[in-house]
């Protein structure tokens, strides 16, 4: 995406983009000058600048009896997004509780391709209990979504304080990565040889998520209390007979 498209994803598009870009380029200038540079009428410019001021992207100040536009450091965009993320993080458990109470039937979501797999993976970060169970097929995960993406995911999981208990098959561990780690909130055990972890599975709250290999390239999320409890019991049974990994 180019610069304009990227700002559009943040809700700064169309005439609002024109007004914001003009304000940024001028730094500080009378409203009329900003409007002229943006190619906007005075009334339209005032409306748009008022919105930008409410979003904290500019300030309106008086200079010699005239209203001037003062562009704020663009870092406020990042600060605004971070604040929204924190607020949403605080509200999410309550919102999801309301959402789940409204649902009476199991819900199944299917996602295709690399982006779909990423969507399923990131959904596990909505884990309200902060206790995530995983059965990871390592060689498949390294192929898709790939090590870089997965390490981004790990960092975000740790940031959110979500603990992971993970089962893996030694035969699937093609690289010595993601070991047992208190820092990364990960407890690791290796399943017995007769239990081959051939597909990545996550169990969290009332959900069970599956991530396929690159060959089939899909992800699925089953939202069902009964299914989640069944897979939770299966996980705990395998966990109890699995070998503890060295830290």
C-alpha atoms as a PDB file:
ATOM      1  CA  UNK A   1       0.000   0.000   0.000  1.00  0.00           C
ATOM      2  CA  UNK A   2       1.124   3.537  -0.677  1.00  0.00           C
ATOM      3  CA  UNK A   3       1.145   6.337   1.901  1.00  0.00           C
ATOM      4  CA  UNK A   4      -2.437   7.455   1.223  1.00  0.00           C
ATOM      5  CA  UNK A   5      -3.800   3.907   1.364  1.00  0.00           C
ATOM      6  CA  UNK A   6      -1.998   3.249   4.634  1.00  0.00           C
ATOM      7  CA  UNK A   7      -3.520   6.336   6.254  1.00  0.00           C
ATOM      8  CA  UNK A   8      -6.916   5.288   4.902  1.00  0.00           C
ATOM      9  CA  UNK A   9      -6.715   2.105   6.989  1.00  0.00           C
ATOM     10  CA  UNK A  10      -6.562   4.410  10.033  1.00  0.00           C
ATOM     11  CA  UNK A  11      -9.689   6.277   8.925  1.00  0.00           C
ATOM     12  CA  UNK A  12      -7.810   9.244   7.475  1.00  0.00           C
ATOM     13  CA  UNK A  13      -9.042   9.259   3.887  1.00  0.00           C
ATOM     14  CA  UNK A  14     -10.643  11.417   1.217  1.00  0.00           C
ATOM     15  CA  UNK A  15     -10.904  15.081   2.122  1.00  0.00           C
ATOM     16  CA  UNK A  16      -9.799  14.342   5.659  1.00  0.00           C
ATOM     17  CA  UNK A  17      -6.528  13.030   4.221  1.00  0.00           C
ATOM     18  CA  UNK A  18      -6.142  16.217   2.148  1.00  0.00           C
ATOM     19  CA  UNK A  19      -6.678  18.416   5.211  1.00  0.00           C
ATOM     20  CA  UNK A  20      -4.319  16.387   7.406  1.00  0.00           C
ATOM     21  CA  UNK A  21      -1.556  16.255   4.815  1.00  0.00           C
ATOM     22  CA  UNK A  22      -1.797  20.032   4.254  1.00  0.00           C
ATOM     23  CA  UNK A  23      -1.597  20.649   8.014  1.00  0.00           C
ATOM     24  CA  UNK A  24       1.429  18.354   8.333  1.00  0.00           C
ATOM     25  CA  UNK A  25       3.279  20.004   5.470  1.00  0.00           C
ATOM     26  CA  UNK A  26       2.624  23.535   6.725  1.00  0.00           C
ATOM     27  CA  UNK A  27       3.358  22.753  10.380  1.00  0.00           C
ATOM     28  CA  UNK A  28       1.535  25.873  11.569  1.00  0.00           C
ATOM     29  CA  UNK A  29      -0.612  28.108   9.399  1.00  0.00           C
ATOM     30  CA  UNK A  30      -3.937  29.986   9.328  1.00  0.00           C
ATOM     31  CA  UNK A  31      -7.010  27.915   8.537  1.00  0.00           C
ATOM     32  CA  UNK A  32      -7.426  29.696   5.192  1.00  0.00           C
ATOM     33  CA  UNK A  33      -3.925  28.716   4.119  1.00  0.00           C
ATOM     34  CA  UNK A  34      -4.468  25.078   5.098  1.00  0.00           C
ATOM     35  CA  UNK A  35      -7.790  25.049   3.241  1.00  0.00           C
ATOM     36  CA  UNK A  36      -6.184  26.520   0.124  1.00  0.00           C
ATOM     37  CA  UNK A  37      -3.311  24.053   0.152  1.00  0.00           C
ATOM     38  CA  UNK A  38      -5.750  21.157   0.616  1.00  0.00           C
ATOM     39  CA  UNK A  39      -8.022  22.411  -2.143  1.00  0.00           C
ATOM     40  CA  UNK A  40     -10.990  22.729   0.215  1.00  0.00           C
ATOM     41  CA  UNK A  41     -13.661  25.307   0.891  1.00  0.00           C
ATOM     42  CA  UNK A  42     -13.399  27.184   4.161  1.00  0.00           C
ATOM     43  CA  UNK A  43     -16.510  25.643   5.755  1.00  0.00           C
ATOM     44  CA  UNK A  44     -15.480  22.114   4.733  1.00  0.00           C
ATOM     45  CA  UNK A  45     -11.966  22.729   6.011  1.00  0.00           C
ATOM     46  CA  UNK A  46     -13.265  23.870   9.414  1.00  0.00           C
ATOM     47  CA  UNK A  47     -15.386  20.708   9.750  1.00  0.00           C
ATOM     48  CA  UNK A  48     -12.484  18.441   8.814  1.00  0.00           C
ATOM     49  CA  UNK A  49      -9.992  20.261  11.019  1.00  0.00           C
ATOM     50  CA  UNK A  50     -12.432  20.029  13.920  1.00  0.00           C
ATOM     51  CA  UNK A  51     -12.455  16.239  13.494  1.00  0.00           C
ATOM     52  CA  UNK A  52      -8.654  16.113  13.294  1.00  0.00           C
ATOM     53  CA  UNK A  53      -8.450  18.180  16.472  1.00  0.00           C
ATOM     54  CA  UNK A  54     -10.828  15.816  18.302  1.00  0.00           C
ATOM     55  CA  UNK A  55      -8.582  12.939  17.228  1.00  0.00           C
ATOM     56  CA  UNK A  56      -5.576  14.750  18.662  1.00  0.00           C
ATOM     57  CA  UNK A  57      -3.808  15.075  15.309  1.00  0.00           C
ATOM     58  CA  UNK A  58      -3.821  18.887  15.253  1.00  0.00           C
ATOM     59  CA  UNK A  59      -4.452  21.787  17.607  1.00  0.00           C
ATOM     60  CA  UNK A  60      -6.319  25.018  16.860  1.00  0.00           C
ATOM     61  CA  UNK A  61      -4.694  28.109  18.369  1.00  0.00           C
ATOM     62  CA  UNK A  62      -5.273  31.874  18.202  1.00  0.00           C
ATOM     63  CA  UNK A  63      -2.552  33.979  16.609  1.00  0.00           C
ATOM     64  CA  UNK A  64      -3.119  37.726  16.120  1.00  0.00           C
ATOM     65  CA  UNK A  65      -6.885  37.301  16.078  1.00  0.00           C
ATOM     66  CA  UNK A  66      -6.783  34.463  13.541  1.00  0.00           C
ATOM     67  CA  UNK A  67      -7.279  30.757  14.045  1.00  0.00           C
ATOM     68  CA  UNK A  68      -4.155  28.807  13.213  1.00  0.00           C
ATOM     69  CA  UNK A  69      -3.736  25.098  12.664  1.00  0.00           C
ATOM     70  CA  UNK A  70      -0.857  23.476  14.526  1.00  0.00           C
ATOM     71  CA  UNK A  71       0.046  19.949  13.415  1.00  0.00           C
ATOM     72  CA  UNK A  72       0.878  17.563  16.254  1.00  0.00           C
ATOM     73  CA  UNK A  73       3.738  15.066  16.103  1.00  0.00           C
ATOM     74  CA  UNK A  74       2.399  12.047  14.134  1.00  0.00           C
ATOM     75  CA  UNK A  75       3.486   9.825  17.032  1.00  0.00           C
ATOM     76  CA  UNK A  76       0.060  10.639  18.504  1.00  0.00           C
ATOM     77  CA  UNK A  77      -1.418   8.230  15.926  1.00  0.00           C
ATOM     78  CA  UNK A  78       0.519   5.380  17.508  1.00  0.00           C
ATOM     79  CA  UNK A  79      -0.416   6.571  20.992  1.00  0.00           C
ATOM     80  CA  UNK A  80      -4.085   6.737  20.008  1.00  0.00           C
ATOM     81  CA  UNK A  81      -3.994   3.194  18.590  1.00  0.00           C
ATOM     82  CA  UNK A  82      -2.219   1.884  21.681  1.00  0.00           C
ATOM     83  CA  UNK A  83      -4.838   3.501  23.923  1.00  0.00           C
ATOM     84  CA  UNK A  84      -7.644   1.942  21.878  1.00  0.00           C
ATOM     85  CA  UNK A  85      -5.897  -1.449  22.089  1.00  0.00           C
ATOM     86  CA  UNK A  86      -5.620  -1.169  25.870  1.00  0.00           C
ATOM     87  CA  UNK A  87      -9.249  -0.098  26.266  1.00  0.00           C
ATOM     88  CA  UNK A  88     -10.418  -2.888  23.958  1.00  0.00           C
ATOM     89  CA  UNK A  89      -8.292  -5.364  25.892  1.00  0.00           C
ATOM     90  CA  UNK A  90     -10.021  -4.302  29.120  1.00  0.00           C
ATOM     91  CA  UNK A  91     -13.480  -4.483  27.554  1.00  0.00           C
ATOM     92  CA  UNK A  92     -12.990  -7.681  25.568  1.00  0.00           C
ATOM     93  CA  UNK A  93     -13.798 -10.192  28.347  1.00  0.00           C
ATOM     94  CA  UNK A  94     -17.112  -8.418  29.086  1.00  0.00           C
ATOM     95  CA  UNK A  95     -17.993  -8.035  25.410  1.00  0.00           C
ATOM     96  CA  UNK A  96     -17.205 -11.660  24.653  1.00  0.00           C
ATOM     97  CA  UNK A  97     -19.196 -12.796  27.667  1.00  0.00           C
ATOM     98  CA  UNK A  98     -22.232 -10.957  26.296  1.00  0.00           C
ATOM     99  CA  UNK A  99     -21.505 -12.324  22.817  1.00  0.00           C
ATOM    100  CA  UNK A 100     -21.216 -15.912  24.061  1.00  0.00           C
ATOM    101  CA  UNK A 101     -24.418 -15.738  26.123  1.00  0.00           C
ATOM    102  CA  UNK A 102     -26.273 -14.693  22.983  1.00  0.00           C
ATOM    103  CA  UNK A 103     -25.150 -17.834  21.157  1.00  0.00           C
ATOM    104  CA  UNK A 104     -27.061 -21.067  21.711  1.00  0.00           C
ATOM    105  CA  UNK A 105     -25.530 -23.238  18.991  1.00  0.00           C
ATOM    106  CA  UNK A 106     -21.947 -24.276  18.218  1.00  0.00           C
ATOM    107  CA  UNK A 107     -20.221 -22.000  15.742  1.00  0.00           C
ATOM    108  CA  UNK A 108     -17.781 -23.178  13.077  1.00  0.00           C
ATOM    109  CA  UNK A 109     -15.562 -20.809  11.121  1.00  0.00           C
ATOM    110  CA  UNK A 110     -13.406 -21.891   8.206  1.00  0.00           C
ATOM    111  CA  UNK A 111     -10.490 -19.845   6.855  1.00  0.00           C
ATOM    112  CA  UNK A 112      -8.452 -20.584   3.739  1.00  0.00           C
ATOM    113  CA  UNK A 113      -4.870 -19.707   2.839  1.00  0.00           C
ATOM    114  CA  UNK A 114      -1.978 -18.164   4.734  1.00  0.00           C
ATOM    115  CA  UNK A 115      -4.014 -15.163   5.873  1.00  0.00           C
ATOM    116  CA  UNK A 116      -6.746 -17.477   7.125  1.00  0.00           C
ATOM    117  CA  UNK A 117      -4.229 -19.449   9.156  1.00  0.00           C
ATOM    118  CA  UNK A 118      -2.905 -16.214  10.631  1.00  0.00           C
ATOM    119  CA  UNK A 119      -6.486 -15.210  11.554  1.00  0.00           C
ATOM    120  CA  UNK A 120      -7.020 -18.485  13.401  1.00  0.00           C
ATOM    121  CA  UNK A 121      -3.667 -18.221  15.173  1.00  0.00           C
ATOM    122  CA  UNK A 122      -4.352 -14.685  16.356  1.00  0.00           C
ATOM    123  CA  UNK A 123      -7.817 -15.665  17.583  1.00  0.00           C
ATOM    124  CA  UNK A 124      -6.149 -17.788  20.255  1.00  0.00           C
ATOM    125  CA  UNK A 125      -4.912 -14.512  21.761  1.00  0.00           C
ATOM    126  CA  UNK A 126      -8.509 -13.710  22.743  1.00  0.00           C
ATOM    127  CA  UNK A 127      -8.148 -16.417  25.423  1.00  0.00           C
ATOM    128  CA  UNK A 128     -10.008 -14.999  28.426  1.00  0.00           C
ATOM    129  CA  UNK A 129      -8.686 -17.541  30.930  1.00  0.00           C
ATOM    130  CA  UNK A 130      -5.072 -16.707  29.972  1.00  0.00           C
ATOM    131  CA  UNK A 131      -4.480 -20.486  29.964  1.00  0.00           C
ATOM    132  CA  UNK A 132      -3.877 -21.866  26.492  1.00  0.00           C
ATOM    133  CA  UNK A 133      -3.403 -25.528  25.615  1.00  0.00           C
ATOM    134  CA  UNK A 134      -1.662 -26.397  22.367  1.00  0.00           C
ATOM    135  CA  UNK A 135      -0.629 -29.443  20.382  1.00  0.00           C
ATOM    136  CA  UNK A 136       1.890 -28.197  17.834  1.00  0.00           C
ATOM    137  CA  UNK A 137       3.041 -29.850  14.627  1.00  0.00           C
ATOM    138  CA  UNK A 138       6.375 -28.067  14.447  1.00  0.00           C
ATOM    139  CA  UNK A 139       7.520 -28.809  10.903  1.00  0.00           C
ATOM    140  CA  UNK A 140       4.124 -27.682   9.568  1.00  0.00           C
ATOM    141  CA  UNK A 141       4.167 -24.450  11.591  1.00  0.00           C
ATOM    142  CA  UNK A 142       7.626 -23.572  10.307  1.00  0.00           C
ATOM    143  CA  UNK A 143       6.254 -23.871   6.774  1.00  0.00           C
ATOM    144  CA  UNK A 144       3.068 -21.939   7.442  1.00  0.00           C
ATOM    145  CA  UNK A 145       2.628 -19.430   8.989  1.00  0.00           C
ATOM    146  CA  UNK A 146       6.449 -19.527   9.227  1.00  0.00           C
ATOM    147  CA  UNK A 147       8.961 -18.833  11.974  1.00  0.00           C
ATOM    148  CA  UNK A 148       8.933 -15.026  11.703  1.00  0.00           C
ATOM    149  CA  UNK A 149       5.148 -14.767  11.961  1.00  0.00           C
ATOM    150  CA  UNK A 150       5.027 -17.292  14.772  1.00  0.00           C
ATOM    151  CA  UNK A 151       7.648 -15.430  16.787  1.00  0.00           C
ATOM    152  CA  UNK A 152       5.572 -12.248  16.398  1.00  0.00           C
ATOM    153  CA  UNK A 153       2.644 -14.233  17.727  1.00  0.00           C
ATOM    154  CA  UNK A 154       4.672 -15.504  20.701  1.00  0.00           C
ATOM    155  CA  UNK A 155       5.740 -11.968  21.599  1.00  0.00           C
ATOM    156  CA  UNK A 156       2.114 -10.813  21.548  1.00  0.00           C
ATOM    157  CA  UNK A 157       0.994 -13.811  23.596  1.00  0.00           C
ATOM    158  CA  UNK A 158       3.592 -13.006  26.247  1.00  0.00           C
ATOM    159  CA  UNK A 159       2.625  -9.337  26.136  1.00  0.00           C
ATOM    160  CA  UNK A 160      -0.973 -10.333  26.916  1.00  0.00           C
ATOM    161  CA  UNK A 161       0.103 -12.606  29.766  1.00  0.00           C
ATOM    162  CA  UNK A 162      -1.279 -15.782  28.183  1.00  0.00           C
ATOM    163  CA  UNK A 163       0.378 -18.972  29.445  1.00  0.00           C
ATOM    164  CA  UNK A 164       0.804 -21.905  27.069  1.00  0.00           C
ATOM    165  CA  UNK A 165       1.071 -25.572  27.905  1.00  0.00           C
ATOM    166  CA  UNK A 166       2.176 -27.292  24.724  1.00  0.00           C
ATOM    167  CA  UNK A 167       2.525 -30.874  23.560  1.00  0.00           C
ATOM    168  CA  UNK A 168       4.819 -31.705  20.655  1.00  0.00           C
ATOM    169  CA  UNK A 169       6.136 -34.825  18.954  1.00  0.00           C
ATOM    170  CA  UNK A 170       9.920 -35.125  19.072  1.00  0.00           C
ATOM    171  CA  UNK A 171       9.907 -36.473  15.520  1.00  0.00           C
ATOM    172  CA  UNK A 172       8.240 -33.248  14.329  1.00  0.00           C
ATOM    173  CA  UNK A 173      10.805 -30.979  16.006  1.00  0.00           C
ATOM    174  CA  UNK A 174      12.944 -30.204  12.986  1.00  0.00           C
ATOM    175  CA  UNK A 175      14.690 -27.274  14.735  1.00  0.00           C
ATOM    176  CA  UNK A 176      15.683 -26.566  18.342  1.00  0.00           C
ATOM    177  CA  UNK A 177      13.401 -23.583  18.873  1.00  0.00           C
ATOM    178  CA  UNK A 178      10.626 -22.489  21.274  1.00  0.00           C
ATOM    179  CA  UNK A 179      11.802 -24.590  24.263  1.00  0.00           C
ATOM    180  CA  UNK A 180      10.266 -24.647  27.710  1.00  0.00           C
ATOM    181  CA  UNK A 181      10.565 -21.092  28.993  1.00  0.00           C
ATOM    182  CA  UNK A 182       9.289 -19.190  32.030  1.00  0.00           C
ATOM    183  CA  UNK A 183      10.084 -15.936  30.251  1.00  0.00           C
ATOM    184  CA  UNK A 184       7.888 -16.845  27.292  1.00  0.00           C
ATOM    185  CA  UNK A 185       5.214 -18.350  29.566  1.00  0.00           C
ATOM    186  CA  UNK A 186       5.583 -21.765  27.934  1.00  0.00           C
ATOM    187  CA  UNK A 187       5.555 -25.239  29.517  1.00  0.00           C
ATOM    188  CA  UNK A 188       6.583 -27.963  27.064  1.00  0.00           C
ATOM    189  CA  UNK A 189       6.168 -31.717  27.095  1.00  0.00           C
ATOM    190  CA  UNK A 190       6.898 -34.319  24.433  1.00  0.00           C
ATOM    191  CA  UNK A 191       4.096 -36.749  23.689  1.00  0.00           C
ATOM    192  CA  UNK A 192       4.837 -40.503  23.712  1.00  0.00           C
ATOM    193  CA  UNK A 193       5.968 -41.925  20.348  1.00  0.00           C
ATOM    194  CA  UNK A 194       2.607 -43.625  19.800  1.00  0.00           C
ATOM    195  CA  UNK A 195       0.874 -40.212  19.962  1.00  0.00           C
ATOM    196  CA  UNK A 196       1.895 -38.309  16.839  1.00  0.00           C
ATOM    197  CA  UNK A 197       0.966 -34.617  16.858  1.00  0.00           C
ATOM    198  CA  UNK A 198       0.256 -34.347  13.163  1.00  0.00           C
ATOM    199  CA  UNK A 199      -1.930 -31.229  13.185  1.00  0.00           C
ATOM    200  CA  UNK A 200      -1.676 -28.065  15.240  1.00  0.00           C
ATOM    201  CA  UNK A 201      -4.553 -27.720  17.695  1.00  0.00           C
ATOM    202  CA  UNK A 202      -5.312 -25.041  20.289  1.00  0.00           C
ATOM    203  CA  UNK A 203      -7.861 -25.326  23.094  1.00  0.00           C
ATOM    204  CA  UNK A 204      -8.985 -22.158  24.879  1.00  0.00           C
ATOM    205  CA  UNK A 205     -12.146 -21.094  26.690  1.00  0.00           C
ATOM    206  CA  UNK A 206     -14.993 -22.668  24.682  1.00  0.00           C
ATOM    207  CA  UNK A 207     -13.023 -22.959  21.444  1.00  0.00           C
ATOM    208  CA  UNK A 208     -10.921 -25.508  19.620  1.00  0.00           C
ATOM    209  CA  UNK A 209      -8.791 -24.206  16.739  1.00  0.00           C
ATOM    210  CA  UNK A 210      -7.100 -26.287  14.061  1.00  0.00           C
ATOM    211  CA  UNK A 211      -4.278 -25.257  11.713  1.00  0.00           C
ATOM    212  CA  UNK A 212      -3.517 -27.546   8.786  1.00  0.00           C
ATOM    213  CA  UNK A 213      -0.272 -28.174   6.931  1.00  0.00           C
ATOM    214  CA  UNK A 214       0.733 -26.070   3.920  1.00  0.00           C
ATOM    215  CA  UNK A 215      -0.604 -28.837   1.689  1.00  0.00           C
ATOM    216  CA  UNK A 216      -4.232 -28.245   2.679  1.00  0.00           C
ATOM    217  CA  UNK A 217      -3.625 -24.669   3.882  1.00  0.00           C
ATOM    218  CA  UNK A 218      -6.609 -23.839   6.060  1.00  0.00           C
ATOM    219  CA  UNK A 219      -7.606 -23.023   9.608  1.00  0.00           C
ATOM    220  CA  UNK A 220     -10.814 -23.741  11.524  1.00  0.00           C
ATOM    221  CA  UNK A 221     -12.300 -22.528  14.774  1.00  0.00           C
ATOM    222  CA  UNK A 222     -14.994 -24.563  16.534  1.00  0.00           C
ATOM    223  CA  UNK A 223     -16.799 -22.657  19.259  1.00  0.00           C
ATOM    224  CA  UNK A 224     -18.544 -25.292  21.364  1.00  0.00           C
ATOM    225  CA  UNK A 225     -18.426 -25.786  25.119  1.00  0.00           C
ATOM    226  CA  UNK A 226     -18.825 -29.552  24.824  1.00  0.00           C
ATOM    227  CA  UNK A 227     -16.173 -29.959  22.120  1.00  0.00           C
ATOM    228  CA  UNK A 228     -13.747 -27.724  24.027  1.00  0.00           C
ATOM    229  CA  UNK A 229     -14.180 -29.774  27.220  1.00  0.00           C
ATOM    230  CA  UNK A 230     -13.680 -33.036  25.293  1.00  0.00           C
ATOM    231  CA  UNK A 231     -10.411 -31.822  23.734  1.00  0.00           C
ATOM    232  CA  UNK A 232      -9.336 -30.394  27.068  1.00  0.00           C
ATOM    233  CA  UNK A 233      -9.747 -33.840  28.668  1.00  0.00           C
ATOM    234  CA  UNK A 234      -7.860 -35.511  25.822  1.00  0.00           C
ATOM    235  CA  UNK A 235      -5.055 -32.980  26.180  1.00  0.00           C
ATOM    236  CA  UNK A 236      -4.785 -33.501  29.932  1.00  0.00           C
ATOM    237  CA  UNK A 237      -4.689 -37.291  29.460  1.00  0.00           C
ATOM    238  CA  UNK A 238      -1.795 -37.057  26.993  1.00  0.00           C
ATOM    239  CA  UNK A 239      -0.065 -34.393  29.114  1.00  0.00           C
ATOM    240  CA  UNK A 240      -0.031 -36.691  32.121  1.00  0.00           C
ATOM    241  CA  UNK A 241       1.927 -39.405  30.263  1.00  0.00           C
ATOM    242  CA  UNK A 242       4.228 -37.079  28.326  1.00  0.00           C
ATOM    243  CA  UNK A 243       7.889 -36.382  28.987  1.00  0.00           C
ATOM    244  CA  UNK A 244       8.808 -33.108  30.644  1.00  0.00           C
ATOM    245  CA  UNK A 245      11.113 -31.036  28.451  1.00  0.00           C
ATOM    246  CA  UNK A 246      14.279 -29.610  29.924  1.00  0.00           C
ATOM    247  CA  UNK A 247      14.127 -25.875  30.584  1.00  0.00           C
END
